[in-house]
Amino acid sequence: MYLDYFGLSEKPFTITPNPRFIYLSKAHREVFAHLSFGIEDRCGFIAITGEVGTGKTTVLRTLLNRLDNNNFRLAFIFNPCHSAVELLKCINREFGIECAAETVVEQVNVLNEFLLWQHEKGRTVVLVIDESQNLDPSVLEQIRLLSNLETETDKLIQIVLVGQPELKDMLHRPDLRQLNQRISVRFHLETMDIADTLAYIRHRLTVAGGAEETFSPAAVKRIYDSTGGLPRLINVLCGRCLLVAFAQDARVVTPKLVRLAQRELGYEQKNFFRRIVGR
């Protein structure tokens, strides 16, 4: 509706993770560096946490897309299954391993054979489990046991646990202390500051073929105050701002138009972000 009006080739503020639109803020560059180091140095366990919508999945997808398929084998589990055997089935399926067994032991055995085969070929095997905070502690303990699959010199599988802040609390449970002790790289992804928020908005507009100045600095300040620098909320609010500006026949989004967009979305409070995440 508003694409032609603003000279856009596509919607710049969709909430679907899209590596083409990724903007690496200071926090995103840090998590990117931690992930790269952990995987390439074969650290074993990596834990990445962050509030909903901070861009964890987008950063992960971007990193994994940059890994050479000749040197890495990847498995990405988006919605962890409920039991240990179900999760192992998902992992093996993602790696292209055929195994109809219904027991944990048999599933682990075929996975171990696959890992040894990949190790012989000089490949690093990476398993990413998103939304890890939803896993039962007993399943997390089973994941820890996968780290026992190793040679005399190397871990056979690099495991990246990704989750919301609740994952940090889970890892400090007494019954998960062995897993917690094995995590050698961990990072908590914070929201963006106002400078990165401005750069983020301008970056997405540019990628979509629009003008950087579509949002006035004062409008960006209001957007930052409302969203707390959370990328997903920024996308939702900015998308509505463009629609409101189009309806008002305005070429530049102003604080007044941001207020109208907030009202349409049902959050007029200055800092909607703090209200929804309890900060």
Protein backbone atom coordinates (compact mmCIF):
# COMPACT_ATOMS: atom_id res chain seq x y z
CA MET A 1 0.00 0.00 0.00
CA TYR A 2 2.69 2.51 1.00
CA LEU A 3 5.63 0.96 -0.89
CA ASP A 4 5.35 3.05 -4.06
CA TYR A 5 4.58 6.17 -2.02
CA PHE A 6 7.92 5.91 -0.20
CA GLY A 7 9.84 4.45 -3.13
CA LEU A 8 10.27 1.08 -1.43
CA SER A 9 10.85 -2.19 -3.28
CA GLU A 10 9.69 -4.27 -0.30
CA LYS A 11 8.49 -3.85 3.25
CA PRO A 12 11.44 -2.76 5.39
CA PHE A 13 10.00 -3.60 8.79
CA THR A 14 8.69 -7.16 8.69
CA ILE A 15 9.16 -9.19 11.87
CA THR A 16 10.22 -12.36 10.01
CA PRO A 17 13.98 -12.91 10.50
CA ASN A 18 15.72 -12.00 7.25
CA PRO A 19 19.53 -12.04 7.09
CA ARG A 20 19.44 -9.55 4.19
CA PHE A 21 18.14 -6.89 6.56
CA ILE A 22 20.44 -7.70 9.45
CA TYR A 23 21.99 -4.72 11.15
CA LEU A 24 24.77 -5.56 13.57
CA SER A 25 24.49 -3.19 16.51
CA LYS A 26 27.25 -3.09 19.09
CA ALA A 27 25.53 -5.88 21.04
CA HIS A 28 24.94 -7.95 17.91
CA ARG A 29 28.58 -7.62 16.88
CA GLU A 30 29.60 -8.89 20.31
CA VAL A 31 27.33 -11.92 20.19
CA PHE A 32 28.49 -12.59 16.63
CA ALA A 33 32.10 -12.59 17.82
CA HIS A 34 31.32 -14.89 20.75
CA LEU A 35 29.51 -17.35 18.49
CA SER A 36 32.25 -17.34 15.88
CA PHE A 37 34.94 -17.94 18.48
CA GLY A 38 33.00 -20.68 20.27
CA ILE A 39 32.23 -22.62 17.10
CA GLU A 40 35.57 -22.24 15.34
CA ASP A 41 37.54 -22.97 18.52
CA ARG A 42 35.36 -26.03 19.24
CA CYS A 43 34.51 -24.91 22.74
CA GLY A 44 31.72 -27.47 23.14
CA PHE A 45 28.82 -25.62 24.76
CA ILE A 46 27.73 -22.06 23.95
CA ALA A 47 24.76 -20.30 25.58
CA ILE A 48 23.14 -17.23 24.02
CA THR A 49 20.28 -15.54 25.86
CA GLY A 50 18.24 -12.42 25.25
CA GLU A 51 14.79 -10.93 25.60
CA VAL A 52 12.10 -11.85 23.06
CA GLY A 53 12.69 -9.94 19.83
CA THR A 54 16.30 -8.88 20.39
CA GLY A 55 17.42 -10.59 17.17
CA LYS A 56 18.99 -13.80 18.46
CA THR A 57 17.62 -16.00 15.68
CA THR A 58 18.53 -13.53 12.94
CA VAL A 59 22.14 -13.32 14.14
CA LEU A 60 22.34 -17.11 14.33
CA ARG A 61 20.94 -17.59 10.84
CA THR A 62 23.39 -15.04 9.47
CA LEU A 63 26.37 -16.70 11.14
CA LEU A 64 25.37 -20.20 10.09
CA ASN A 65 24.79 -19.08 6.51
CA ARG A 66 28.37 -17.82 6.44
CA LEU A 67 29.88 -21.12 7.55
CA ASP A 68 31.44 -23.11 4.72
CA ASN A 69 29.38 -26.25 4.03
CA ASN A 70 32.57 -28.10 3.17
CA ASN A 71 33.91 -27.61 6.70
CA PHE A 72 30.75 -27.56 8.82
CA ARG A 73 27.61 -29.67 9.24
CA LEU A 74 24.72 -27.80 10.81
CA ALA A 75 21.44 -28.68 12.50
CA PHE A 76 18.99 -26.01 13.68
CA ILE A 77 16.18 -27.08 16.03
CA PHE A 78 13.57 -24.30 16.21
CA ASN A 79 10.91 -25.84 18.43
CA PRO A 80 12.49 -28.31 20.85
CA CYS A 81 10.52 -31.51 21.36
CA HIS A 82 9.28 -32.55 24.79
CA SER A 83 11.20 -35.75 25.52
CA ALA A 84 14.85 -36.72 25.19
CA VAL A 85 14.20 -39.38 22.55
CA GLU A 86 12.00 -37.00 20.52
CA LEU A 87 14.72 -34.37 20.58
CA LEU A 88 17.36 -36.88 19.51
CA LYS A 89 15.12 -37.97 16.64
CA CYS A 90 14.83 -34.32 15.56
CA ILE A 91 18.59 -33.85 15.76
CA ASN A 92 19.31 -36.95 13.70
CA ARG A 93 16.66 -36.00 11.18
CA GLU A 94 18.20 -32.54 10.75
CA PHE A 95 21.59 -34.12 10.11
CA GLY A 96 20.03 -36.48 7.56
CA ILE A 97 20.59 -39.55 9.74
CA GLU A 98 18.06 -42.35 9.31
CA CYS A 99 17.19 -44.12 12.55
CA ALA A 100 13.84 -45.67 13.40
CA ALA A 101 14.91 -46.70 16.91
CA GLU A 102 12.73 -45.67 19.84
CA THR A 103 15.37 -45.57 22.57
CA VAL A 104 17.79 -42.85 23.61
CA VAL A 105 20.75 -45.25 23.54
CA GLU A 106 20.16 -46.31 19.94
CA GLN A 107 19.59 -42.74 18.77
CA VAL A 108 22.82 -41.61 20.46
CA ASN A 109 24.76 -44.51 18.97
CA VAL A 110 23.85 -43.63 15.38
CA LEU A 111 24.56 -39.96 16.09
CA ASN A 112 27.99 -40.88 17.47
CA GLU A 113 28.80 -42.86 14.31
CA PHE A 114 27.81 -39.84 12.22
CA LEU A 115 29.98 -37.51 14.34
CA LEU A 116 33.01 -39.76 14.05
CA TRP A 117 32.52 -39.92 10.28
CA GLN A 118 32.35 -36.12 10.04
CA HIS A 119 35.41 -35.77 12.28
CA GLU A 120 37.37 -38.03 9.95
CA LYS A 121 36.42 -35.74 7.08
CA GLY A 122 37.66 -32.72 9.06
CA ARG A 123 34.21 -31.17 9.48
CA THR A 124 32.90 -29.35 12.57
CA VAL A 125 29.38 -30.41 13.55
CA VAL A 126 27.20 -27.65 15.01
CA LEU A 127 23.85 -28.15 16.74
CA VAL A 128 21.75 -25.06 17.52
CA ILE A 129 18.72 -25.45 19.79
CA ASP A 130 16.49 -22.37 19.80
CA GLU A 131 13.95 -21.63 22.56
CA SER A 132 16.00 -23.81 24.91
CA GLN A 133 14.25 -22.34 27.94
CA ASN A 134 11.26 -24.53 27.03
CA LEU A 135 13.19 -27.76 27.48
CA ASP A 136 12.61 -29.91 30.52
CA PRO A 137 15.69 -30.08 32.80
CA SER A 138 15.90 -33.83 32.18
CA VAL A 139 16.16 -33.16 28.44
CA LEU A 140 18.85 -30.53 29.01
CA GLU A 141 20.75 -33.14 31.01
CA GLN A 142 20.53 -35.50 28.02
CA ILE A 143 21.95 -32.74 25.83
CA ARG A 144 24.84 -32.44 28.28
CA LEU A 145 25.58 -36.12 27.81
CA LEU A 146 26.04 -35.50 24.09
CA SER A 147 29.16 -33.56 24.99
CA ASN A 148 30.65 -36.87 26.11
CA LEU A 149 30.85 -37.79 22.45
CA GLU A 150 34.48 -36.89 21.83
CA THR A 151 37.86 -38.07 20.71
CA GLU A 152 41.02 -37.85 22.80
CA THR A 153 41.58 -34.30 21.55
CA ASP A 154 38.28 -32.83 20.32
CA LYS A 155 34.61 -32.50 21.11
CA LEU A 156 32.69 -34.11 18.27
CA ILE A 157 29.75 -31.70 18.43
CA GLN A 158 29.43 -27.99 19.18
CA ILE A 159 26.12 -27.23 20.90
CA VAL A 160 24.60 -23.75 20.94
CA LEU A 161 21.74 -23.24 23.41
CA VAL A 162 19.67 -20.19 22.55
CA GLY A 163 16.87 -18.91 24.73
CA GLN A 164 15.10 -16.19 26.63
CA PRO A 165 16.42 -14.91 29.98
CA GLU A 166 14.69 -17.81 31.75
CA LEU A 167 17.38 -20.08 30.29
CA LYS A 168 19.99 -18.40 32.49
CA ASP A 169 17.89 -19.17 35.55
CA MET A 170 17.45 -22.79 34.47
CA LEU A 171 21.18 -23.28 34.02
CA HIS A 172 21.74 -22.26 37.64
CA ARG A 173 19.51 -25.03 38.96
CA PRO A 174 21.46 -27.42 41.23
CA ASP A 175 20.51 -30.42 39.09
CA LEU A 176 21.93 -28.73 35.98
CA ARG A 177 25.23 -27.58 37.50
CA GLN A 178 27.22 -30.06 35.40
CA LEU A 179 25.77 -28.60 32.22
CA ASN A 180 26.33 -25.05 33.47
CA GLN A 181 29.96 -25.82 34.22
CA ARG A 182 30.52 -27.06 30.67
CA ILE A 183 29.36 -23.86 29.01
CA SER A 184 32.61 -22.16 28.06
CA VAL A 185 31.13 -19.31 25.98
CA ARG A 186 28.02 -17.41 27.03
CA PHE A 187 26.52 -14.07 26.09
CA HIS A 188 23.36 -12.15 26.96
CA LEU A 189 22.10 -10.02 24.08
CA GLU A 190 20.91 -6.61 25.22
CA THR A 191 18.61 -4.22 23.37
CA MET A 192 19.95 -1.43 21.17
CA ASP A 193 20.78 2.09 22.35
CA ILE A 194 19.32 5.14 20.61
CA ALA A 195 22.26 5.56 18.22
CA ASP A 196 21.91 1.99 17.04
CA THR A 197 18.13 2.38 16.84
CA LEU A 198 18.56 5.30 14.43
CA ALA A 199 21.13 3.39 12.38
CA TYR A 200 18.92 0.28 12.42
CA ILE A 201 15.88 2.12 11.05
CA ARG A 202 17.92 3.86 8.37
CA HIS A 203 19.64 0.62 7.39
CA ARG A 204 16.38 -1.25 6.85
CA LEU A 205 14.94 1.62 4.83
CA THR A 206 18.05 1.70 2.62
CA VAL A 207 18.01 -2.07 2.02
CA ALA A 208 14.35 -1.78 0.99
CA GLY A 209 15.21 1.02 -1.46
CA GLY A 210 13.87 3.92 0.60
CA ALA A 211 15.31 7.16 1.93
CA GLU A 212 17.20 7.28 5.23
CA GLU A 213 15.45 10.53 6.23
CA THR A 214 11.95 9.01 6.13
CA PHE A 215 11.91 9.14 9.96
CA SER A 216 12.86 12.41 11.62
CA PRO A 217 15.40 12.24 14.49
CA ALA A 218 12.69 13.33 16.91
CA ALA A 219 10.42 10.53 15.67
CA VAL A 220 13.22 8.01 16.17
CA LYS A 221 13.68 9.29 19.72
CA ARG A 222 10.04 8.65 20.46
CA ILE A 223 10.22 5.21 18.86
CA TYR A 224 13.24 4.37 21.00
CA ASP A 225 11.52 5.59 24.18
CA SER A 226 8.50 3.44 23.37
CA THR A 227 10.31 0.25 22.36
CA GLY A 228 13.43 0.36 24.52
CA GLY A 229 15.53 -0.48 21.46
CA LEU A 230 13.95 -3.91 20.97
CA PRO A 231 14.22 -4.73 17.23
CA ARG A 232 10.93 -6.61 16.93
CA LEU A 233 8.94 -3.81 18.56
CA ILE A 234 10.78 -1.24 16.45
CA ASN A 235 9.73 -3.13 13.32
CA VAL A 236 6.09 -3.30 14.39
CA LEU A 237 5.92 0.39 15.30
CA CYS A 238 7.88 1.63 12.27
CA GLY A 239 5.73 -0.42 9.91
CA ARG A 240 2.60 1.18 11.35
CA CYS A 241 4.23 4.63 11.21
CA LEU A 242 4.74 4.29 7.46
CA LEU A 243 1.11 3.30 7.03
CA VAL A 244 -0.05 6.27 9.11
CA ALA A 245 2.24 8.66 7.19
CA PHE A 246 0.86 7.36 3.90
CA ALA A 247 -2.71 7.91 5.12
CA GLN A 248 -1.80 11.44 6.23
CA ASP A 249 -0.04 12.17 2.91
CA ALA A 250 3.22 12.84 4.80
CA ARG A 251 6.65 12.11 3.37
CA VAL A 252 8.46 12.22 6.72
CA VAL A 253 7.43 10.43 9.91
CA THR A 254 7.21 12.93 12.78
CA PRO A 255 6.65 12.41 16.53
CA LYS A 256 2.97 13.27 15.98
CA LEU A 257 2.64 10.43 13.47
CA VAL A 258 4.46 8.08 15.85
CA ARG A 259 1.88 8.93 18.51
CA LEU A 260 -0.92 8.12 16.08
CA ALA A 261 0.73 4.80 15.23
CA GLN A 262 1.13 4.01 18.94
CA ARG A 263 -2.53 4.73 19.49
CA GLU A 264 -3.54 2.43 16.63
CA LEU A 265 -1.34 -0.35 18.04
CA GLY A 266 -2.83 0.10 21.49
CA TYR A 267 0.22 1.34 23.38
CA GLU A 268 0.37 5.02 24.06
CA GLN A 269 2.57 4.74 27.14
CA LYS A 270 5.98 6.30 26.66
CA ASN A 271 7.86 3.08 27.21
CA PHE A 272 5.81 0.13 26.03
CA PHE A 273 8.91 -2.07 26.17
CA ARG A 274 9.28 -1.80 29.94
CA ARG A 275 5.61 -2.54 30.41
CA ILE A 276 5.65 -5.80 28.43
CA VAL A 277 8.95 -7.20 29.75
CA GLY A 278 8.52 -6.03 33.33
CA ARG A 279 11.59 -3.82 33.53
